[in-house]
Amino acid sequence: MVLHFMDRKGICTIIDADFQTETVKIENCTDDNLHRAFGVKENPSWADFEFFLEDRCFPRTRDKLKMVLRDVGVDHYDPLTIIRKTQGRMAEDTQWIEIISE
């Protein structure tokens, strides 16, 4: 799966995630660590990738989670499924995720 972590200026990080081998390769397209998907990490682990996905979603401990999931259009908390619906957009910033290929 290839994802682009974006902001208003364009692509910040290109992420190539292999779900079979649970490996991640990235290419940072900005020098601004605050806008990179993994900050200063150049070789993120699979756990880092999973944390990144969940960090781009609402918390799994959110009050009235079932209602929020229903509003988004998913039936259970799965960060990748939620990102497919929301593009990982957060109220706190101007970044999002584009899924380029699966």
PDB file of N, CA and C in Angstrom:
ATOM      1  N   MET A   1       0.853  -1.168   0.000  1.00  0.00           N
ATOM      2  CA  MET A   1       0.000   0.000   0.000  1.00  0.00           C
ATOM      3  C   MET A   1       0.900   1.232   0.000  1.00  0.00           C
ATOM      4  N   VAL A   2       0.563   2.178  -0.847  1.00  0.00           N
ATOM      5  CA  VAL A   2       1.305   3.435  -0.898  1.00  0.00           C
ATOM      6  C   VAL A   2       0.378   4.550  -0.432  1.00  0.00           C
ATOM      7  N   LEU A   3       0.878   5.340   0.514  1.00  0.00           N
ATOM      8  CA  LEU A   3       0.128   6.466   1.049  1.00  0.00           C
ATOM      9  C   LEU A   3       0.966   7.726   0.933  1.00  0.00           C
ATOM     10  N   HIS A   4       0.292   8.837   0.707  1.00  0.00           N
ATOM     11  CA  HIS A   4       0.942  10.143   0.742  1.00  0.00           C
ATOM     12  C   HIS A   4       0.420  10.883   1.957  1.00  0.00           C
ATOM     13  N   PHE A   5       1.344  11.323   2.813  1.00  0.00           N
ATOM     14  CA  PHE A   5       0.980  12.175   3.938  1.00  0.00           C
ATOM     15  C   PHE A   5       1.148  13.600   3.446  1.00  0.00           C
ATOM     16  N   MET A   6       0.035  14.335   3.390  1.00  0.00           N
ATOM     17  CA  MET A   6      -0.036  15.613   2.700  1.00  0.00           C
ATOM     18  C   MET A   6      -0.244  16.787   3.655  1.00  0.00           C
ATOM     19  N   ASP A   7       0.097  17.964   3.165  1.00  0.00           N
ATOM     20  CA  ASP A   7      -0.373  19.219   3.756  1.00  0.00           C
ATOM     21  C   ASP A   7      -0.679  20.176   2.610  1.00  0.00           C
ATOM     22  N   ARG A   8      -1.019  21.398   2.937  1.00  0.00           N
ATOM     23  CA  ARG A   8      -1.421  22.355   1.892  1.00  0.00           C
ATOM     24  C   ARG A   8      -0.352  22.587   0.842  1.00  0.00           C
ATOM     25  N   LYS A   9       0.902  22.400   1.189  1.00  0.00           N
ATOM     26  CA  LYS A   9       1.995  22.639   0.255  1.00  0.00           C
ATOM     27  C   LYS A   9       2.285  21.432  -0.630  1.00  0.00           C
ATOM     28  N   GLY A  10       1.705  20.264  -0.318  1.00  0.00           N
ATOM     29  CA  GLY A  10       1.940  19.067  -1.126  1.00  0.00           C
ATOM     30  C   GLY A  10       2.281  17.863  -0.277  1.00  0.00           C
ATOM     31  N   ILE A  11       3.011  16.933  -0.874  1.00  0.00           N
ATOM     32  CA  ILE A  11       3.372  15.690  -0.204  1.00  0.00           C
ATOM     33  C   ILE A  11       4.465  15.949   0.827  1.00  0.00           C
ATOM     34  N   CYS A  12       4.240  15.462   2.041  1.00  0.00           N
ATOM     35  CA  CYS A  12       5.248  15.561   3.100  1.00  0.00           C
ATOM     36  C   CYS A  12       6.055  14.269   3.209  1.00  0.00           C
ATOM     37  N   THR A  13       5.359  13.136   3.147  1.00  0.00           N
ATOM     38  CA  THR A  13       6.011  11.833   3.248  1.00  0.00           C
ATOM     39  C   THR A  13       5.290  10.839   2.350  1.00  0.00           C
ATOM     40  N   ILE A  14       6.069  10.069   1.598  1.00  0.00           N
ATOM     41  CA  ILE A  14       5.534   8.945   0.833  1.00  0.00           C
ATOM     42  C   ILE A  14       5.785   7.705   1.678  1.00  0.00           C
ATOM     43  N   ILE A  15       4.734   6.946   1.928  1.00  0.00           N
ATOM     44  CA  ILE A  15       4.823   5.760   2.786  1.00  0.00           C
ATOM     45  C   ILE A  15       4.491   4.536   1.954  1.00  0.00           C
ATOM     46  N   ASP A  16       5.378   3.561   1.955  1.00  0.00           N
ATOM     47  CA  ASP A  16       5.148   2.281   1.289  1.00  0.00           C
ATOM     48  C   ASP A  16       5.059   1.223   2.379  1.00  0.00           C
ATOM     49  N   ALA A  17       3.848   0.731   2.632  1.00  0.00           N
ATOM     50  CA  ALA A  17       3.610  -0.228   3.709  1.00  0.00           C
ATOM     51  C   ALA A  17       3.266  -1.591   3.121  1.00  0.00           C
ATOM     52  N   ASP A  18       4.014  -2.607   3.510  1.00  0.00           N
ATOM     53  CA  ASP A  18       3.769  -3.969   3.058  1.00  0.00           C
ATOM     54  C   ASP A  18       3.105  -4.733   4.201  1.00  0.00           C
ATOM     55  N   PHE A  19       1.816  -5.013   4.059  1.00  0.00           N
ATOM     56  CA  PHE A  19       1.054  -5.652   5.124  1.00  0.00           C
ATOM     57  C   PHE A  19       1.387  -7.128   5.282  1.00  0.00           C
ATOM     58  N   GLN A  20       1.949  -7.748   4.259  1.00  0.00           N
ATOM     59  CA  GLN A  20       2.315  -9.161   4.365  1.00  0.00           C
ATOM     60  C   GLN A  20       3.585  -9.342   5.182  1.00  0.00           C
ATOM     61  N   THR A  21       4.581  -8.495   4.929  1.00  0.00           N
ATOM     62  CA  THR A  21       5.843  -8.622   5.655  1.00  0.00           C
ATOM     63  C   THR A  21       5.923  -7.673   6.847  1.00  0.00           C
ATOM     64  N   GLU A  22       4.896  -6.821   6.973  1.00  0.00           N
ATOM     65  CA  GLU A  22       4.848  -5.805   8.034  1.00  0.00           C
ATOM     66  C   GLU A  22       6.119  -4.966   8.060  1.00  0.00           C
ATOM     67  N   THR A  23       6.424  -4.412   6.888  1.00  0.00           N
ATOM     68  CA  THR A  23       7.567  -3.516   6.760  1.00  0.00           C
ATOM     69  C   THR A  23       7.097  -2.186   6.172  1.00  0.00           C
ATOM     70  N   VAL A  24       7.846  -1.137   6.479  1.00  0.00           N
ATOM     71  CA  VAL A  24       7.514   0.210   6.030  1.00  0.00           C
ATOM     72  C   VAL A  24       8.762   0.868   5.466  1.00  0.00           C
ATOM     73  N   LYS A  25       8.609   1.494   4.311  1.00  0.00           N
ATOM     74  CA  LYS A  25       9.670   2.311   3.734  1.00  0.00           C
ATOM     75  C   LYS A  25       9.071   3.682   3.499  1.00  0.00           C
ATOM     76  N   ILE A  26       9.866   4.712   3.729  1.00  0.00           N
ATOM     77  CA  ILE A  26       9.361   6.072   3.550  1.00  0.00           C
ATOM     78  C   ILE A  26      10.328   6.914   2.740  1.00  0.00           C
ATOM     79  N   GLU A  27       9.763   7.962   2.156  1.00  0.00           N
ATOM     80  CA  GLU A  27      10.562   9.010   1.530  1.00  0.00           C
ATOM     81  C   GLU A  27       9.992  10.333   2.009  1.00  0.00           C
ATOM     82  N   ASN A  28      10.785  11.070   2.755  1.00  0.00           N
ATOM     83  CA  ASN A  28      10.345  12.379   3.231  1.00  0.00           C
ATOM     84  C   ASN A  28      10.554  13.399   2.125  1.00  0.00           C
ATOM     85  N   CYS A  29       9.546  14.227   1.920  1.00  0.00           N
ATOM     86  CA  CYS A  29       9.577  15.230   0.853  1.00  0.00           C
ATOM     87  C   CYS A  29       9.642  16.639   1.421  1.00  0.00           C
ATOM     88  N   THR A  30       9.895  16.740   2.711  1.00  0.00           N
ATOM     89  CA  THR A  30      10.058  18.034   3.373  1.00  0.00           C
ATOM     90  C   THR A  30      11.156  17.915   4.416  1.00  0.00           C
ATOM     91  N   ASP A  31      11.818  19.032   4.677  1.00  0.00           N
ATOM     92  CA  ASP A  31      12.828  19.074   5.736  1.00  0.00           C
ATOM     93  C   ASP A  31      12.215  19.413   7.091  1.00  0.00           C
ATOM     94  N   ASP A  32      10.946  19.772   7.085  1.00  0.00           N
ATOM     95  CA  ASP A  32      10.248  20.159   8.312  1.00  0.00           C
ATOM     96  C   ASP A  32       9.791  18.915   9.063  1.00  0.00           C
ATOM     97  N   ASN A  33      10.506  18.585  10.145  1.00  0.00           N
ATOM     98  CA  ASN A  33      10.189  17.380  10.919  1.00  0.00           C
ATOM     99  C   ASN A  33       8.768  17.378  11.468  1.00  0.00           C
ATOM    100  N   LEU A  34       8.213  18.545  11.720  1.00  0.00           N
ATOM    101  CA  LEU A  34       6.853  18.621  12.258  1.00  0.00           C
ATOM    102  C   LEU A  34       5.806  18.209  11.233  1.00  0.00           C
ATOM    103  N   HIS A  35       6.146  18.259   9.960  1.00  0.00           N
ATOM    104  CA  HIS A  35       5.195  17.892   8.912  1.00  0.00           C
ATOM    105  C   HIS A  35       5.449  16.502   8.334  1.00  0.00           C
ATOM    106  N   ARG A  36       6.502  15.850   8.764  1.00  0.00           N
ATOM    107  CA  ARG A  36       6.787  14.488   8.315  1.00  0.00           C
ATOM    108  C   ARG A  36       5.918  13.498   9.072  1.00  0.00           C
ATOM    109  N   ALA A  37       5.564  12.413   8.419  1.00  0.00           N
ATOM    110  CA  ALA A  37       4.704  11.399   9.043  1.00  0.00           C
ATOM    111  C   ALA A  37       5.342  10.798  10.290  1.00  0.00           C
ATOM    112  N   PHE A  38       6.646  10.616  10.287  1.00  0.00           N
ATOM    113  CA  PHE A  38       7.324   9.971  11.407  1.00  0.00           C
ATOM    114  C   PHE A  38       8.366  10.874  12.059  1.00  0.00           C
ATOM    115  N   GLY A  39       8.233  12.168  11.860  1.00  0.00           N
ATOM    116  CA  GLY A  39       9.160  13.110  12.489  1.00  0.00           C
ATOM    117  C   GLY A  39      10.585  12.884  12.025  1.00  0.00           C
ATOM    118  N   VAL A  40      11.489  12.687  12.965  1.00  0.00           N
ATOM    119  CA  VAL A  40      12.905  12.510  12.630  1.00  0.00           C
ATOM    120  C   VAL A  40      13.254  11.074  12.251  1.00  0.00           C
ATOM    121  N   LYS A  41      12.341  10.136  12.456  1.00  0.00           N
ATOM    122  CA  LYS A  41      12.625   8.729  12.142  1.00  0.00           C
ATOM    123  C   LYS A  41      12.722   8.538  10.631  1.00  0.00           C
ATOM    124  N   GLU A  42      13.829   7.959  10.209  1.00  0.00           N
ATOM    125  CA  GLU A  42      14.046   7.682   8.790  1.00  0.00           C
ATOM    126  C   GLU A  42      13.690   6.245   8.430  1.00  0.00           C
ATOM    127  N   ASN A  43      13.666   5.363   9.427  1.00  0.00           N
ATOM    128  CA  ASN A  43      13.370   3.952   9.213  1.00  0.00           C
ATOM    129  C   ASN A  43      12.324   3.489  10.216  1.00  0.00           C
ATOM    130  N   PRO A  44      11.077   3.891  10.028  1.00  0.00           N
ATOM    131  CA  PRO A  44      10.045   3.532  11.001  1.00  0.00           C
ATOM    132  C   PRO A  44       9.752   2.027  10.997  1.00  0.00           C
ATOM    133  N   SER A  45       9.362   1.542  12.159  1.00  0.00           N
ATOM    134  CA  SER A  45       8.978   0.138  12.304  1.00  0.00           C
ATOM    135  C   SER A  45       7.496  -0.020  11.957  1.00  0.00           C
ATOM    136  N   TRP A  46       7.046  -1.264  11.917  1.00  0.00           N
ATOM    137  CA  TRP A  46       5.628  -1.523  11.690  1.00  0.00           C
ATOM    138  C   TRP A  46       4.807  -0.943  12.837  1.00  0.00           C
ATOM    139  N   ALA A  47       5.318  -1.050  14.052  1.00  0.00           N
ATOM    140  CA  ALA A  47       4.624  -0.475  15.216  1.00  0.00           C
ATOM    141  C   ALA A  47       4.508   1.044  15.068  1.00  0.00           C
ATOM    142  N   ASP A  48       5.552   1.687  14.546  1.00  0.00           N
ATOM    143  CA  ASP A  48       5.491   3.130  14.290  1.00  0.00           C
ATOM    144  C   ASP A  48       4.394   3.448  13.278  1.00  0.00           C
ATOM    145  N   PHE A  49       4.280   2.626  12.239  1.00  0.00           N
ATOM    146  CA  PHE A  49       3.251   2.819  11.222  1.00  0.00           C
ATOM    147  C   PHE A  49       1.854   2.669  11.825  1.00  0.00           C
ATOM    148  N   GLU A  50       1.663   1.631  12.621  1.00  0.00           N
ATOM    149  CA  GLU A  50       0.365   1.423  13.257  1.00  0.00           C
ATOM    150  C   GLU A  50       0.021   2.586  14.186  1.00  0.00           C
ATOM    151  N   PHE A  51       1.015   3.093  14.915  1.00  0.00           N
ATOM    152  CA  PHE A  51       0.802   4.241  15.795  1.00  0.00           C
ATOM    153  C   PHE A  51       0.433   5.468  14.962  1.00  0.00           C
ATOM    154  N   PHE A  52       1.118   5.671  13.850  1.00  0.00           N
ATOM    155  CA  PHE A  52       0.829   6.797  12.963  1.00  0.00           C
ATOM    156  C   PHE A  52      -0.618   6.753  12.492  1.00  0.00           C
ATOM    157  N   LEU A  53      -1.077   5.582  12.030  1.00  0.00           N
ATOM    158  CA  LEU A  53      -2.454   5.455  11.562  1.00  0.00           C
ATOM    159  C   LEU A  53      -3.443   5.787  12.671  1.00  0.00           C
ATOM    160  N   GLU A  54      -3.214   5.224  13.848  1.00  0.00           N
ATOM    161  CA  GLU A  54      -4.142   5.478  14.949  1.00  0.00           C
ATOM    162  C   GLU A  54      -4.093   6.935  15.396  1.00  0.00           C
ATOM    163  N   ASP A  55      -2.934   7.541  15.295  1.00  0.00           N
ATOM    164  CA  ASP A  55      -2.783   8.941  15.683  1.00  0.00           C
ATOM    165  C   ASP A  55      -3.557   9.879  14.750  1.00  0.00           C
ATOM    166  N   ARG A  56      -3.845   9.419  13.521  1.00  0.00           N
ATOM    167  CA  ARG A  56      -4.606  10.220  12.560  1.00  0.00           C
ATOM    168  C   ARG A  56      -6.105   9.943  12.647  1.00  0.00           C
ATOM    169  N   CYS A  57      -6.532   9.254  13.698  1.00  0.00           N
ATOM    170  CA  CYS A  57      -7.950   8.958  13.942  1.00  0.00           C
ATOM    171  C   CYS A  57      -8.367   9.562  15.280  1.00  0.00           C
ATOM    172  N   PHE A  58      -9.653   9.544  15.535  1.00  0.00           N
ATOM    173  CA  PHE A  58     -10.133   9.910  16.870  1.00  0.00           C
ATOM    174  C   PHE A  58      -9.723   8.795  17.836  1.00  0.00           C
ATOM    175  N   PRO A  59      -9.565   9.116  19.116  1.00  0.00           N
ATOM    176  CA  PRO A  59      -9.094   8.106  20.070  1.00  0.00           C
ATOM    177  C   PRO A  59     -10.084   6.953  20.229  1.00  0.00           C
ATOM    178  N   ARG A  60      -9.549   5.761  20.423  1.00  0.00           N
ATOM    179  CA  ARG A  60     -10.424   4.609  20.625  1.00  0.00           C
ATOM    180  C   ARG A  60     -11.142   4.677  21.966  1.00  0.00           C
ATOM    181  N   THR A  61     -10.714   5.607  22.830  1.00  0.00           N
ATOM    182  CA  THR A  61     -11.357   5.793  24.138  1.00  0.00           C
ATOM    183  C   THR A  61     -12.374   6.935  24.119  1.00  0.00           C
ATOM    184  N   ARG A  62     -12.672   7.451  22.954  1.00  0.00           N
ATOM    185  CA  ARG A  62     -13.582   8.593  22.831  1.00  0.00           C
ATOM    186  C   ARG A  62     -14.966   8.262  23.389  1.00  0.00           C
ATOM    187  N   ASP A  63     -15.541   9.239  24.069  1.00  0.00           N
ATOM    188  CA  ASP A  63     -16.890   9.103  24.600  1.00  0.00           C
ATOM    189  C   ASP A  63     -17.871   8.882  23.445  1.00  0.00           C
ATOM    190  N   LYS A  64     -18.815   7.995  23.642  1.00  0.00           N
ATOM    191  CA  LYS A  64     -19.830   7.674  22.631  1.00  0.00           C
ATOM    192  C   LYS A  64     -19.194   7.197  21.325  1.00  0.00           C
ATOM    193  N   LEU A  65     -18.177   6.344  21.456  1.00  0.00           N
ATOM    194  CA  LEU A  65     -17.423   5.851  20.309  1.00  0.00           C
ATOM    195  C   LEU A  65     -18.323   5.192  19.263  1.00  0.00           C
ATOM    196  N   LYS A  66     -19.293   4.403  19.694  1.00  0.00           N
ATOM    197  CA  LYS A  66     -20.170   3.717  18.733  1.00  0.00           C
ATOM    198  C   LYS A  66     -20.929   4.705  17.862  1.00  0.00           C
ATOM    199  N   MET A  67     -21.350   5.813  18.443  1.00  0.00           N
ATOM    200  CA  MET A  67     -22.056   6.835  17.655  1.00  0.00           C
ATOM    201  C   MET A  67     -21.111   7.487  16.644  1.00  0.00           C
ATOM    202  N   VAL A  68     -19.891   7.763  17.070  1.00  0.00           N
ATOM    203  CA  VAL A  68     -18.914   8.390  16.175  1.00  0.00           C
ATOM    204  C   VAL A  68     -18.578   7.437  15.029  1.00  0.00           C
ATOM    205  N   LEU A  69     -18.372   6.160  15.333  1.00  0.00           N
ATOM    206  CA  LEU A  69     -18.096   5.173  14.289  1.00  0.00           C
ATOM    207  C   LEU A  69     -19.252   5.101  13.291  1.00  0.00           C
ATOM    208  N   ARG A  70     -20.468   5.105  13.803  1.00  0.00           N
ATOM    209  CA  ARG A  70     -21.642   5.062  12.930  1.00  0.00           C
ATOM    210  C   ARG A  70     -21.683   6.301  12.031  1.00  0.00           C
ATOM    211  N   ASP A  71     -21.378   7.470  12.610  1.00  0.00           N
ATOM    212  CA  ASP A  71     -21.365   8.709  11.828  1.00  0.00           C
ATOM    213  C   ASP A  71     -20.325   8.661  10.706  1.00  0.00           C
ATOM    214  N   VAL A  72     -19.192   8.021  10.988  1.00  0.00           N
ATOM    215  CA  VAL A  72     -18.132   7.903   9.981  1.00  0.00           C
ATOM    216  C   VAL A  72     -18.494   6.851   8.937  1.00  0.00           C
ATOM    217  N   GLY A  73     -19.303   5.884   9.345  1.00  0.00           N
ATOM    218  CA  GLY A  73     -19.717   4.844   8.407  1.00  0.00           C
ATOM    219  C   GLY A  73     -18.946   3.548   8.545  1.00  0.00           C
ATOM    220  N   VAL A  74     -18.426   3.283   9.741  1.00  0.00           N
ATOM    221  CA  VAL A  74     -17.731   2.015   9.996  1.00  0.00           C
ATOM    222  C   VAL A  74     -18.366   1.340  11.203  1.00  0.00           C
ATOM    223  N   ASP A  75     -18.198   0.018  11.272  1.00  0.00           N
ATOM    224  CA  ASP A  75     -18.861  -0.708  12.355  1.00  0.00           C
ATOM    225  C   ASP A  75     -17.945  -1.101  13.512  1.00  0.00           C
ATOM    226  N   HIS A  76     -16.631  -0.888  13.354  1.00  0.00           N
ATOM    227  CA  HIS A  76     -15.706  -1.174  14.457  1.00  0.00           C
ATOM    228  C   HIS A  76     -14.480  -0.261  14.322  1.00  0.00           C
ATOM    229  N   TYR A  77     -13.726  -0.161  15.407  1.00  0.00           N
ATOM    230  CA  TYR A  77     -12.571   0.726  15.417  1.00  0.00           C
ATOM    231  C   TYR A  77     -11.395   0.049  14.723  1.00  0.00           C
ATOM    232  N   ASP A  78     -11.100   0.485  13.528  1.00  0.00           N
ATOM    233  CA  ASP A  78      -9.947   0.031  12.762  1.00  0.00           C
ATOM    234  C   ASP A  78      -9.346   1.271  12.108  1.00  0.00           C
ATOM    235  N   PRO A  79      -8.156   1.695  12.539  1.00  0.00           N
ATOM    236  CA  PRO A  79      -7.590   2.947  12.036  1.00  0.00           C
ATOM    237  C   PRO A  79      -7.525   3.051  10.508  1.00  0.00           C
ATOM    238  N   LEU A  80      -7.135   1.995   9.820  1.00  0.00           N
ATOM    239  CA  LEU A  80      -7.030   2.078   8.367  1.00  0.00           C
ATOM    240  C   LEU A  80      -8.410   2.254   7.722  1.00  0.00           C
ATOM    241  N   THR A  81      -9.397   1.556   8.224  1.00  0.00           N
ATOM    242  CA  THR A  81     -10.758   1.705   7.706  1.00  0.00           C
ATOM    243  C   THR A  81     -11.269   3.120   7.950  1.00  0.00           C
ATOM    244  N   ILE A  82     -10.983   3.658   9.112  1.00  0.00           N
ATOM    245  CA  ILE A  82     -11.405   5.021   9.438  1.00  0.00           C
ATOM    246  C   ILE A  82     -10.703   6.023   8.520  1.00  0.00           C
ATOM    247  N   ILE A  83      -9.419   5.816   8.279  1.00  0.00           N
ATOM    248  CA  ILE A  83      -8.661   6.716   7.403  1.00  0.00           C
ATOM    249  C   ILE A  83      -9.183   6.652   5.971  1.00  0.00           C
ATOM    250  N   ARG A  84      -9.609   5.488   5.544  1.00  0.00           N
ATOM    251  CA  ARG A  84     -10.205   5.381   4.202  1.00  0.00           C
ATOM    252  C   ARG A  84     -11.435   6.286   4.093  1.00  0.00           C
ATOM    253  N   LYS A  85     -12.161   6.453   5.189  1.00  0.00           N
ATOM    254  CA  LYS A  85     -13.372   7.285   5.195  1.00  0.00           C
ATOM    255  C   LYS A  85     -13.063   8.762   5.440  1.00  0.00           C
ATOM    256  N   THR A  86     -12.078   9.051   6.307  1.00  0.00           N
ATOM    257  CA  THR A  86     -11.838  10.431   6.750  1.00  0.00           C
ATOM    258  C   THR A  86     -10.586  11.065   6.163  1.00  0.00           C
ATOM    259  N   GLN A  87      -9.769  10.282   5.463  1.00  0.00           N
ATOM    260  CA  GLN A  87      -8.463  10.709   4.958  1.00  0.00           C
ATOM    261  C   GLN A  87      -7.527  11.113   6.106  1.00  0.00           C
ATOM    262  N   GLY A  88      -7.809  10.656   7.300  1.00  0.00           N
ATOM    263  CA  GLY A  88      -6.943  10.968   8.434  1.00  0.00           C
ATOM    264  C   GLY A  88      -6.916  12.451   8.763  1.00  0.00           C
ATOM    265  N   ARG A  89      -7.946  13.160   8.384  1.00  0.00           N
ATOM    266  CA  ARG A  89      -8.006  14.601   8.673  1.00  0.00           C
ATOM    267  C   ARG A  89      -8.305  14.822  10.148  1.00  0.00           C
ATOM    268  N   MET A  90      -7.618  15.799  10.714  1.00  0.00           N
ATOM    269  CA  MET A  90      -7.776  16.135  12.125  1.00  0.00           C
ATOM    270  C   MET A  90      -8.121  17.616  12.236  1.00  0.00           C
ATOM    271  N   ALA A  91      -8.900  17.956  13.246  1.00  0.00           N
ATOM    272  CA  ALA A  91      -9.286  19.353  13.454  1.00  0.00           C
ATOM    273  C   ALA A  91      -8.083  20.208  13.850  1.00  0.00           C
ATOM    274  N   GLU A  92      -7.064  19.576  14.416  1.00  0.00           N
ATOM    275  CA  GLU A  92      -5.929  20.322  14.968  1.00  0.00           C
ATOM    276  C   GLU A  92      -4.888  20.757  13.940  1.00  0.00           C
ATOM    277  N   ASP A  93      -4.923  20.187  12.723  1.00  0.00           N
ATOM    278  CA  ASP A  93      -3.889  20.535  11.745  1.00  0.00           C
ATOM    279  C   ASP A  93      -4.460  20.522  10.329  1.00  0.00           C
ATOM    280  N   THR A  94      -3.595  20.771   9.372  1.00  0.00           N
ATOM    281  CA  THR A  94      -4.028  20.841   7.974  1.00  0.00           C
ATOM    282  C   THR A  94      -3.460  19.692   7.149  1.00  0.00           C
ATOM    283  N   GLN A  95      -3.156  18.585   7.798  1.00  0.00           N
ATOM    284  CA  GLN A  95      -2.575  17.452   7.089  1.00  0.00           C
ATOM    285  C   GLN A  95      -3.617  16.351   6.889  1.00  0.00           C
ATOM    286  N   TRP A  96      -3.376  15.497   5.906  1.00  0.00           N
ATOM    287  CA  TRP A  96      -4.260  14.377   5.630  1.00  0.00           C
ATOM    288  C   TRP A  96      -3.483  13.294   4.912  1.00  0.00           C
ATOM    289  N   ILE A  97      -4.147  12.161   4.690  1.00  0.00           N
ATOM    290  CA  ILE A  97      -3.532  11.005   4.053  1.00  0.00           C
ATOM    291  C   ILE A  97      -4.304  10.662   2.789  1.00  0.00           C
ATOM    292  N   GLU A  98      -3.563  10.501   1.691  1.00  0.00           N
ATOM    293  CA  GLU A  98      -4.146  10.002   0.454  1.00  0.00           C
ATOM    294  C   GLU A  98      -3.656   8.574   0.247  1.00  0.00           C
ATOM    295  N   ILE A  99      -4.573   7.647   0.068  1.00  0.00           N
ATOM    296  CA  ILE A  99      -4.184   6.275  -0.262  1.00  0.00           C
ATOM    297  C   ILE A  99      -4.042   6.224  -1.774  1.00  0.00           C
ATOM    298  N   ILE A 100      -2.826   5.978  -2.236  1.00  0.00           N
ATOM    299  CA  ILE A 100      -2.509   6.006  -3.655  1.00  0.00           C
ATOM    300  C   ILE A 100      -2.764   4.645  -4.303  1.00  0.00           C
ATOM    301  N   SER A 101      -2.338   3.585  -3.616  1.00  0.00           N
ATOM    302  CA  SER A 101      -2.569   2.231  -4.120  1.00  0.00           C
ATOM    303  C   SER A 101      -2.648   1.265  -2.958  1.00  0.00           C
ATOM    304  N   GLU A 102      -3.386   0.210  -3.180  1.00  0.00           N
ATOM    305  CA  GLU A 102      -3.575  -0.792  -2.106  1.00  0.00           C
ATOM    306  C   GLU A 102      -2.848  -2.070  -2.413  1.00  0.00           C
TER     307      GLU A 102
END
